[in-house]
Amino acid sequence: SFSADRTLRIGTYGGYFENSFKEFVYPA
């Protein structure tokens, strides 16, 4: 359900680690 209020702020360690989450995990 693509509602504007369906959001989540998630913290992870930066650099390659965070970039991999942003590229692969969060989109899925």
PDB file of all heavy atoms in Angstrom:
ATOM      1  N   SER A   1       0.865  -1.177   0.000  1.00  0.00           N
ATOM      2  CA  SER A   1       0.000   0.000   0.000  1.00  0.00           C
ATOM      3  C   SER A   1       0.900   1.224   0.000  1.00  0.00           C
ATOM      4  O   SER A   1       1.533   1.533   1.009  1.00  0.00           O
ATOM      5  CB  SER A   1      -0.888   0.001   1.249  1.00  0.00           C
ATOM      6  OG  SER A   1      -1.613   1.201   1.350  1.00  0.00           O
ATOM      7  N   PHE A   2       1.000   1.902  -1.141  1.00  0.00           N
ATOM      8  CA  PHE A   2       1.940   2.998  -1.275  1.00  0.00           C
ATOM      9  C   PHE A   2       1.334   4.295  -0.747  1.00  0.00           C
ATOM     10  O   PHE A   2       0.954   5.190  -1.488  1.00  0.00           O
ATOM     11  CB  PHE A   2       2.383   3.138  -2.731  1.00  0.00           C
ATOM     12  CG  PHE A   2       3.223   1.995  -3.197  1.00  0.00           C
ATOM     13  CD1 PHE A   2       2.646   0.868  -3.763  1.00  0.00           C
ATOM     14  CD2 PHE A   2       4.599   2.016  -3.036  1.00  0.00           C
ATOM     15  CE1 PHE A   2       3.419  -0.195  -4.179  1.00  0.00           C
ATOM     16  CE2 PHE A   2       5.382   0.952  -3.445  1.00  0.00           C
ATOM     17  CZ  PHE A   2       4.798  -0.161  -4.021  1.00  0.00           C
ATOM     18  N   SER A   3       1.244   4.351   0.562  1.00  0.00           N
ATOM     19  CA  SER A   3       0.706   5.530   1.228  1.00  0.00           C
ATOM     20  C   SER A   3       1.851   6.431   1.658  1.00  0.00           C
ATOM     21  O   SER A   3       2.919   5.961   2.036  1.00  0.00           O
ATOM     22  CB  SER A   3      -0.121   5.106   2.443  1.00  0.00           C
ATOM     23  OG  SER A   3      -0.498   6.228   3.207  1.00  0.00           O
ATOM     24  N   ALA A   4       1.627   7.727   1.619  1.00  0.00           N
ATOM     25  CA  ALA A   4       2.684   8.684   1.923  1.00  0.00           C
ATOM     26  C   ALA A   4       3.198   8.538   3.345  1.00  0.00           C
ATOM     27  O   ALA A   4       4.338   8.888   3.637  1.00  0.00           O
ATOM     28  CB  ALA A   4       2.172  10.108   1.683  1.00  0.00           C
ATOM     29  N   ASP A   5       2.331   8.057   4.244  1.00  0.00           N
ATOM     30  CA  ASP A   5       2.778   7.956   5.641  1.00  0.00           C
ATOM     31  C   ASP A   5       3.403   6.597   5.949  1.00  0.00           C
ATOM     32  O   ASP A   5       3.732   6.319   7.096  1.00  0.00           O
ATOM     33  CB  ASP A   5       1.616   8.238   6.597  1.00  0.00           C
ATOM     34  CG  ASP A   5       0.465   7.255   6.430  1.00  0.00           C
ATOM     35  OD1 ASP A   5       0.533   6.409   5.514  1.00  0.00           O
ATOM     36  OD2 ASP A   5      -0.498   7.348   7.213  1.00  0.00           O
ATOM     37  N   ARG A   6       3.559   5.762   4.953  1.00  0.00           N
ATOM     38  CA  ARG A   6       4.202   4.460   5.155  1.00  0.00           C
ATOM     39  C   ARG A   6       5.697   4.626   4.926  1.00  0.00           C
ATOM     40  O   ARG A   6       6.247   4.348   3.855  1.00  0.00           O
ATOM     41  CB  ARG A   6       3.620   3.435   4.195  1.00  0.00           C
ATOM     42  CG  ARG A   6       2.142   3.160   4.405  1.00  0.00           C
ATOM     43  CD  ARG A   6       1.913   2.022   5.365  1.00  0.00           C
ATOM     44  NE  ARG A   6       2.289   0.751   4.765  1.00  0.00           N
ATOM     45  CZ  ARG A   6       2.373  -0.389   5.445  1.00  0.00           C
ATOM     46  NH1 ARG A   6       2.146  -0.405   6.746  1.00  0.00           N
ATOM     47  NH2 ARG A   6       2.702  -1.507   4.832  1.00  0.00           N
ATOM     48  N   THR A   7       6.373   5.122   5.947  1.00  0.00           N
ATOM     49  CA  THR A   7       7.813   5.364   5.866  1.00  0.00           C
ATOM     50  C   THR A   7       8.494   4.794   7.106  1.00  0.00           C
ATOM     51  O   THR A   7       7.840   4.547   8.133  1.00  0.00           O
ATOM     52  CB  THR A   7       8.127   6.864   5.758  1.00  0.00           C
ATOM     53  OG1 THR A   7       7.635   7.524   6.939  1.00  0.00           O
ATOM     54  CG2 THR A   7       7.482   7.477   4.521  1.00  0.00           C
ATOM     55  N   LEU A   8       9.798   4.613   6.997  1.00  0.00           N
ATOM     56  CA  LEU A   8      10.564   4.070   8.113  1.00  0.00           C
ATOM     57  C   LEU A   8      11.996   4.584   8.004  1.00  0.00           C
ATOM     58  O   LEU A   8      12.617   4.500   6.947  1.00  0.00           O
ATOM     59  CB  LEU A   8      10.550   2.537   8.069  1.00  0.00           C
ATOM     60  CG  LEU A   8      11.118   1.786   9.277  1.00  0.00           C
ATOM     61  CD1 LEU A   8      10.259   2.030  10.522  1.00  0.00           C
ATOM     62  CD2 LEU A   8      11.205   0.284   8.982  1.00  0.00           C
ATOM     63  N   ARG A   9      12.505   5.121   9.101  1.00  0.00           N
ATOM     64  CA  ARG A   9      13.901   5.575   9.149  1.00  0.00           C
ATOM     65  C   ARG A   9      14.750   4.468   9.783  1.00  0.00           C
ATOM     66  O   ARG A   9      14.511   4.086  10.932  1.00  0.00           O
ATOM     67  CB  ARG A   9      14.017   6.855   9.958  1.00  0.00           C
ATOM     68  CG  ARG A   9      13.291   8.066   9.362  1.00  0.00           C
ATOM     69  CD  ARG A   9      13.177   9.180  10.388  1.00  0.00           C
ATOM     70  NE  ARG A   9      12.450   8.715  11.568  1.00  0.00           N
ATOM     71  CZ  ARG A   9      12.524   9.265  12.775  1.00  0.00           C
ATOM     72  NH1 ARG A   9      13.301  10.310  12.982  1.00  0.00           N
ATOM     73  NH2 ARG A   9      11.831   8.782  13.783  1.00  0.00           N
ATOM     74  N   ILE A  10      15.745   3.996   9.039  1.00  0.00           N
ATOM     75  CA  ILE A  10      16.563   2.874   9.493  1.00  0.00           C
ATOM     76  C   ILE A  10      18.028   3.294   9.513  1.00  0.00           C
ATOM     77  O   ILE A  10      18.544   3.822   8.524  1.00  0.00           O
ATOM     78  CB  ILE A  10      16.401   1.643   8.586  1.00  0.00           C
ATOM     79  CG1 ILE A  10      14.925   1.242   8.502  1.00  0.00           C
ATOM     80  CG2 ILE A  10      17.242   0.486   9.101  1.00  0.00           C
ATOM     81  CD1 ILE A  10      14.666   0.090   7.551  1.00  0.00           C
ATOM     82  N   GLY A  11      18.687   3.061  10.637  1.00  0.00           N
ATOM     83  CA  GLY A  11      20.092   3.399  10.777  1.00  0.00           C
ATOM     84  C   GLY A  11      20.988   2.186  10.555  1.00  0.00           C
ATOM     85  O   GLY A  11      20.712   1.099  11.059  1.00  0.00           O
ATOM     86  N   THR A  12      22.051   2.366   9.769  1.00  0.00           N
ATOM     87  CA  THR A  12      23.080   1.341   9.582  1.00  0.00           C
ATOM     88  C   THR A  12      24.434   2.022   9.499  1.00  0.00           C
ATOM     89  O   THR A  12      24.523   3.224   9.230  1.00  0.00           O
ATOM     90  CB  THR A  12      22.866   0.518   8.295  1.00  0.00           C
ATOM     91  OG1 THR A  12      22.818   1.405   7.176  1.00  0.00           O
ATOM     92  CG2 THR A  12      21.588  -0.284   8.343  1.00  0.00           C
ATOM     93  N   TYR A  13      25.494   1.237   9.709  1.00  0.00           N
ATOM     94  CA  TYR A  13      26.852   1.765   9.582  1.00  0.00           C
ATOM     95  C   TYR A  13      27.054   2.273   8.157  1.00  0.00           C
ATOM     96  O   TYR A  13      26.536   1.704   7.205  1.00  0.00           O
ATOM     97  CB  TYR A  13      27.883   0.694   9.918  1.00  0.00           C
ATOM     98  CG  TYR A  13      27.633   0.000  11.241  1.00  0.00           C
ATOM     99  CD1 TYR A  13      27.708  -1.379  11.354  1.00  0.00           C
ATOM    100  CD2 TYR A  13      27.305   0.738  12.370  1.00  0.00           C
ATOM    101  CE1 TYR A  13      27.473  -2.020  12.562  1.00  0.00           C
ATOM    102  CE2 TYR A  13      27.061   0.109  13.583  1.00  0.00           C
ATOM    103  CZ  TYR A  13      27.143  -1.275  13.674  1.00  0.00           C
ATOM    104  OH  TYR A  13      26.895  -1.899  14.866  1.00  0.00           O
ATOM    105  N   GLY A  14      27.836   3.342   8.018  1.00  0.00           N
ATOM    106  CA  GLY A  14      27.969   4.009   6.739  1.00  0.00           C
ATOM    107  C   GLY A  14      28.863   3.304   5.738  1.00  0.00           C
ATOM    108  O   GLY A  14      29.188   2.126   5.868  1.00  0.00           O
ATOM    109  N   GLY A  15      29.263   4.038   4.706  1.00  0.00           N
ATOM    110  CA  GLY A  15      30.162   3.522   3.689  1.00  0.00           C
ATOM    111  C   GLY A  15      29.523   2.433   2.839  1.00  0.00           C
ATOM    112  O   GLY A  15      28.323   2.461   2.548  1.00  0.00           O
ATOM    113  N   TYR A  16      30.336   1.472   2.431  1.00  0.00           N
ATOM    114  CA  TYR A  16      29.875   0.380   1.570  1.00  0.00           C
ATOM    115  C   TYR A  16      28.694  -0.357   2.188  1.00  0.00           C
ATOM    116  O   TYR A  16      27.756  -0.755   1.494  1.00  0.00           O
ATOM    117  CB  TYR A  16      31.040  -0.589   1.328  1.00  0.00           C
ATOM    118  CG  TYR A  16      30.630  -1.885   0.666  1.00  0.00           C
ATOM    119  CD1 TYR A  16      30.407  -1.946  -0.704  1.00  0.00           C
ATOM    120  CD2 TYR A  16      30.443  -3.039   1.418  1.00  0.00           C
ATOM    121  CE1 TYR A  16      30.009  -3.124  -1.303  1.00  0.00           C
ATOM    122  CE2 TYR A  16      30.047  -4.224   0.829  1.00  0.00           C
ATOM    123  CZ  TYR A  16      29.836  -4.259  -0.539  1.00  0.00           C
ATOM    124  OH  TYR A  16      29.437  -5.424  -1.120  1.00  0.00           O
ATOM    125  N   PHE A  17      28.735  -0.515   3.497  1.00  0.00           N
ATOM    126  CA  PHE A  17      27.687  -1.252   4.199  1.00  0.00           C
ATOM    127  C   PHE A  17      26.335  -0.583   3.989  1.00  0.00           C
ATOM    128  O   PHE A  17      25.368  -1.213   3.537  1.00  0.00           O
ATOM    129  CB  PHE A  17      28.053  -1.315   5.686  1.00  0.00           C
ATOM    130  CG  PHE A  17      27.201  -2.239   6.504  1.00  0.00           C
ATOM    131  CD1 PHE A  17      27.505  -3.581   6.593  1.00  0.00           C
ATOM    132  CD2 PHE A  17      26.101  -1.765   7.207  1.00  0.00           C
ATOM    133  CE1 PHE A  17      26.731  -4.444   7.357  1.00  0.00           C
ATOM    134  CE2 PHE A  17      25.324  -2.617   7.971  1.00  0.00           C
ATOM    135  CZ  PHE A  17      25.639  -3.954   8.041  1.00  0.00           C
ATOM    136  N   GLU A  18      26.247   0.701   4.289  1.00  0.00           N
ATOM    137  CA  GLU A  18      24.976   1.413   4.127  1.00  0.00           C
ATOM    138  C   GLU A  18      24.576   1.494   2.658  1.00  0.00           C
ATOM    139  O   GLU A  18      23.390   1.322   2.315  1.00  0.00           O
ATOM    140  CB  GLU A  18      25.079   2.830   4.705  1.00  0.00           C
ATOM    141  CG  GLU A  18      23.778   3.616   4.587  1.00  0.00           C
ATOM    142  CD  GLU A  18      23.900   5.057   5.037  1.00  0.00           C
ATOM    143  OE1 GLU A  18      25.041   5.511   5.289  1.00  0.00           O
ATOM    144  OE2 GLU A  18      22.867   5.744   5.116  1.00  0.00           O
ATOM    145  N   ASN A  19      25.544   1.754   1.774  1.00  0.00           N
ATOM    146  CA  ASN A  19      25.228   1.860   0.357  1.00  0.00           C
ATOM    147  C   ASN A  19      24.626   0.565  -0.189  1.00  0.00           C
ATOM    148  O   ASN A  19      23.740   0.591  -1.044  1.00  0.00           O
ATOM    149  CB  ASN A  19      26.483   2.227  -0.433  1.00  0.00           C
ATOM    150  CG  ASN A  19      26.927   3.659  -0.178  1.00  0.00           C
ATOM    151  OD1 ASN A  19      26.128   4.496   0.257  1.00  0.00           O
ATOM    152  ND2 ASN A  19      28.192   3.947  -0.430  1.00  0.00           N
ATOM    153  N   SER A  20      25.106  -0.573   0.316  1.00  0.00           N
ATOM    154  CA  SER A  20      24.573  -1.854  -0.137  1.00  0.00           C
ATOM    155  C   SER A  20      23.131  -2.033   0.322  1.00  0.00           C
ATOM    156  O   SER A  20      22.298  -2.578  -0.416  1.00  0.00           O
ATOM    157  CB  SER A  20      25.449  -2.999   0.379  1.00  0.00           C
ATOM    158  OG  SER A  20      26.750  -2.925  -0.175  1.00  0.00           O
ATOM    159  N   PHE A  21      22.832  -1.588   1.531  1.00  0.00           N
ATOM    160  CA  PHE A  21      21.442  -1.639   2.001  1.00  0.00           C
ATOM    161  C   PHE A  21      20.561  -0.758   1.121  1.00  0.00           C
ATOM    162  O   PHE A  21      19.452  -1.158   0.740  1.00  0.00           O
ATOM    163  CB  PHE A  21      21.355  -1.172   3.456  1.00  0.00           C
ATOM    164  CG  PHE A  21      21.418  -2.281   4.457  1.00  0.00           C
ATOM    165  CD1 PHE A  21      22.630  -2.727   4.947  1.00  0.00           C
ATOM    166  CD2 PHE A  21      20.259  -2.904   4.902  1.00  0.00           C
ATOM    167  CE1 PHE A  21      22.690  -3.765   5.858  1.00  0.00           C
ATOM    168  CE2 PHE A  21      20.307  -3.937   5.820  1.00  0.00           C
ATOM    169  CZ  PHE A  21      21.524  -4.374   6.304  1.00  0.00           C
ATOM    170  N   LYS A  22      21.045   0.432   0.796  1.00  0.00           N
ATOM    171  CA  LYS A  22      20.258   1.364  -0.010  1.00  0.00           C
ATOM    172  C   LYS A  22      20.053   0.853  -1.430  1.00  0.00           C
ATOM    173  O   LYS A  22      19.015   1.097  -2.046  1.00  0.00           O
ATOM    174  CB  LYS A  22      20.947   2.737  -0.034  1.00  0.00           C
ATOM    175  CG  LYS A  22      20.901   3.452   1.310  1.00  0.00           C
ATOM    176  CD  LYS A  22      21.899   4.596   1.388  1.00  0.00           C
ATOM    177  CE  LYS A  22      21.557   5.720   0.475  1.00  0.00           C
ATOM    178  NZ  LYS A  22      22.489   6.871   0.661  1.00  0.00           N
ATOM    179  N   GLU A  23      21.025   0.143  -1.964  1.00  0.00           N
ATOM    180  CA  GLU A  23      20.942  -0.326  -3.343  1.00  0.00           C
ATOM    181  C   GLU A  23      20.164  -1.625  -3.486  1.00  0.00           C
ATOM    182  O   GLU A  23      19.464  -1.836  -4.478  1.00  0.00           O
ATOM    183  CB  GLU A  23      22.348  -0.500  -3.920  1.00  0.00           C
ATOM    184  CG  GLU A  23      22.355  -0.886  -5.392  1.00  0.00           C
ATOM    185  CD  GLU A  23      23.744  -0.903  -5.994  1.00  0.00           C
ATOM    186  OE1 GLU A  23      24.716  -0.591  -5.258  1.00  0.00           O
ATOM    187  OE2 GLU A  23      23.872  -1.213  -7.192  1.00  0.00           O
ATOM    188  N   PHE A  24      20.286  -2.507  -2.483  1.00  0.00           N
ATOM    189  CA  PHE A  24      19.734  -3.847  -2.655  1.00  0.00           C
ATOM    190  C   PHE A  24      18.609  -4.206  -1.674  1.00  0.00           C
ATOM    191  O   PHE A  24      17.605  -4.783  -2.066  1.00  0.00           O
ATOM    192  CB  PHE A  24      20.854  -4.895  -2.524  1.00  0.00           C
ATOM    193  CG  PHE A  24      21.971  -4.704  -3.505  1.00  0.00           C
ATOM    194  CD1 PHE A  24      23.224  -4.298  -3.073  1.00  0.00           C
ATOM    195  CD2 PHE A  24      21.764  -4.918  -4.852  1.00  0.00           C
ATOM    196  CE1 PHE A  24      24.260  -4.118  -3.978  1.00  0.00           C
ATOM    197  CE2 PHE A  24      22.784  -4.745  -5.767  1.00  0.00           C
ATOM    198  CZ  PHE A  24      24.040  -4.340  -5.332  1.00  0.00           C
ATOM    199  N   VAL A  25      18.784  -3.883  -0.393  1.00  0.00           N
ATOM    200  CA  VAL A  25      17.845  -4.365   0.623  1.00  0.00           C
ATOM    201  C   VAL A  25      16.600  -3.496   0.706  1.00  0.00           C
ATOM    202  O   VAL A  25      15.466  -3.999   0.644  1.00  0.00           O
ATOM    203  CB  VAL A  25      18.534  -4.462   1.998  1.00  0.00           C
ATOM    204  CG1 VAL A  25      17.543  -4.945   3.058  1.00  0.00           C
ATOM    205  CG2 VAL A  25      19.739  -5.402   1.931  1.00  0.00           C
ATOM    206  N   TYR A  26      16.780  -2.197   0.854  1.00  0.00           N
ATOM    207  CA  TYR A  26      15.627  -1.317   1.027  1.00  0.00           C
ATOM    208  C   TYR A  26      14.694  -1.320  -0.183  1.00  0.00           C
ATOM    209  O   TYR A  26      13.458  -1.323  -0.001  1.00  0.00           O
ATOM    210  CB  TYR A  26      16.081   0.105   1.352  1.00  0.00           C
ATOM    211  CG  TYR A  26      16.854   0.231   2.655  1.00  0.00           C
ATOM    212  CD1 TYR A  26      17.783   1.258   2.829  1.00  0.00           C
ATOM    213  CD2 TYR A  26      16.660  -0.665   3.702  1.00  0.00           C
ATOM    214  CE1 TYR A  26      18.495   1.388   4.023  1.00  0.00           C
ATOM    215  CE2 TYR A  26      17.369  -0.552   4.889  1.00  0.00           C
ATOM    216  CZ  TYR A  26      18.295   0.484   5.037  1.00  0.00           C
ATOM    217  OH  TYR A  26      19.005   0.598   6.212  1.00  0.00           O
ATOM    218  N   PRO A  27      15.207  -1.303  -1.420  1.00  0.00           N
ATOM    219  CA  PRO A  27      14.276  -1.359  -2.556  1.00  0.00           C
ATOM    220  C   PRO A  27      13.423  -2.625  -2.568  1.00  0.00           C
ATOM    221  O   PRO A  27      12.236  -2.581  -2.914  1.00  0.00           O
ATOM    222  CB  PRO A  27      15.207  -1.296  -3.769  1.00  0.00           C
ATOM    223  CG  PRO A  27      16.431  -0.591  -3.273  1.00  0.00           C
ATOM    224  CD  PRO A  27      16.595  -1.072  -1.862  1.00  0.00           C
ATOM    225  N   ALA A  28      14.023  -3.754  -2.203  1.00  0.00           N
ATOM    226  CA  ALA A  28      13.258  -5.002  -2.159  1.00  0.00           C
ATOM    227  C   ALA A  28      12.179  -4.941  -1.088  1.00  0.00           C
ATOM    228  O   ALA A  28      11.058  -5.425  -1.285  1.00  0.00           O
ATOM    229  CB  ALA A  28      14.195  -6.176  -1.896  1.00  0.00           C
TER     230      ALA A  28
END
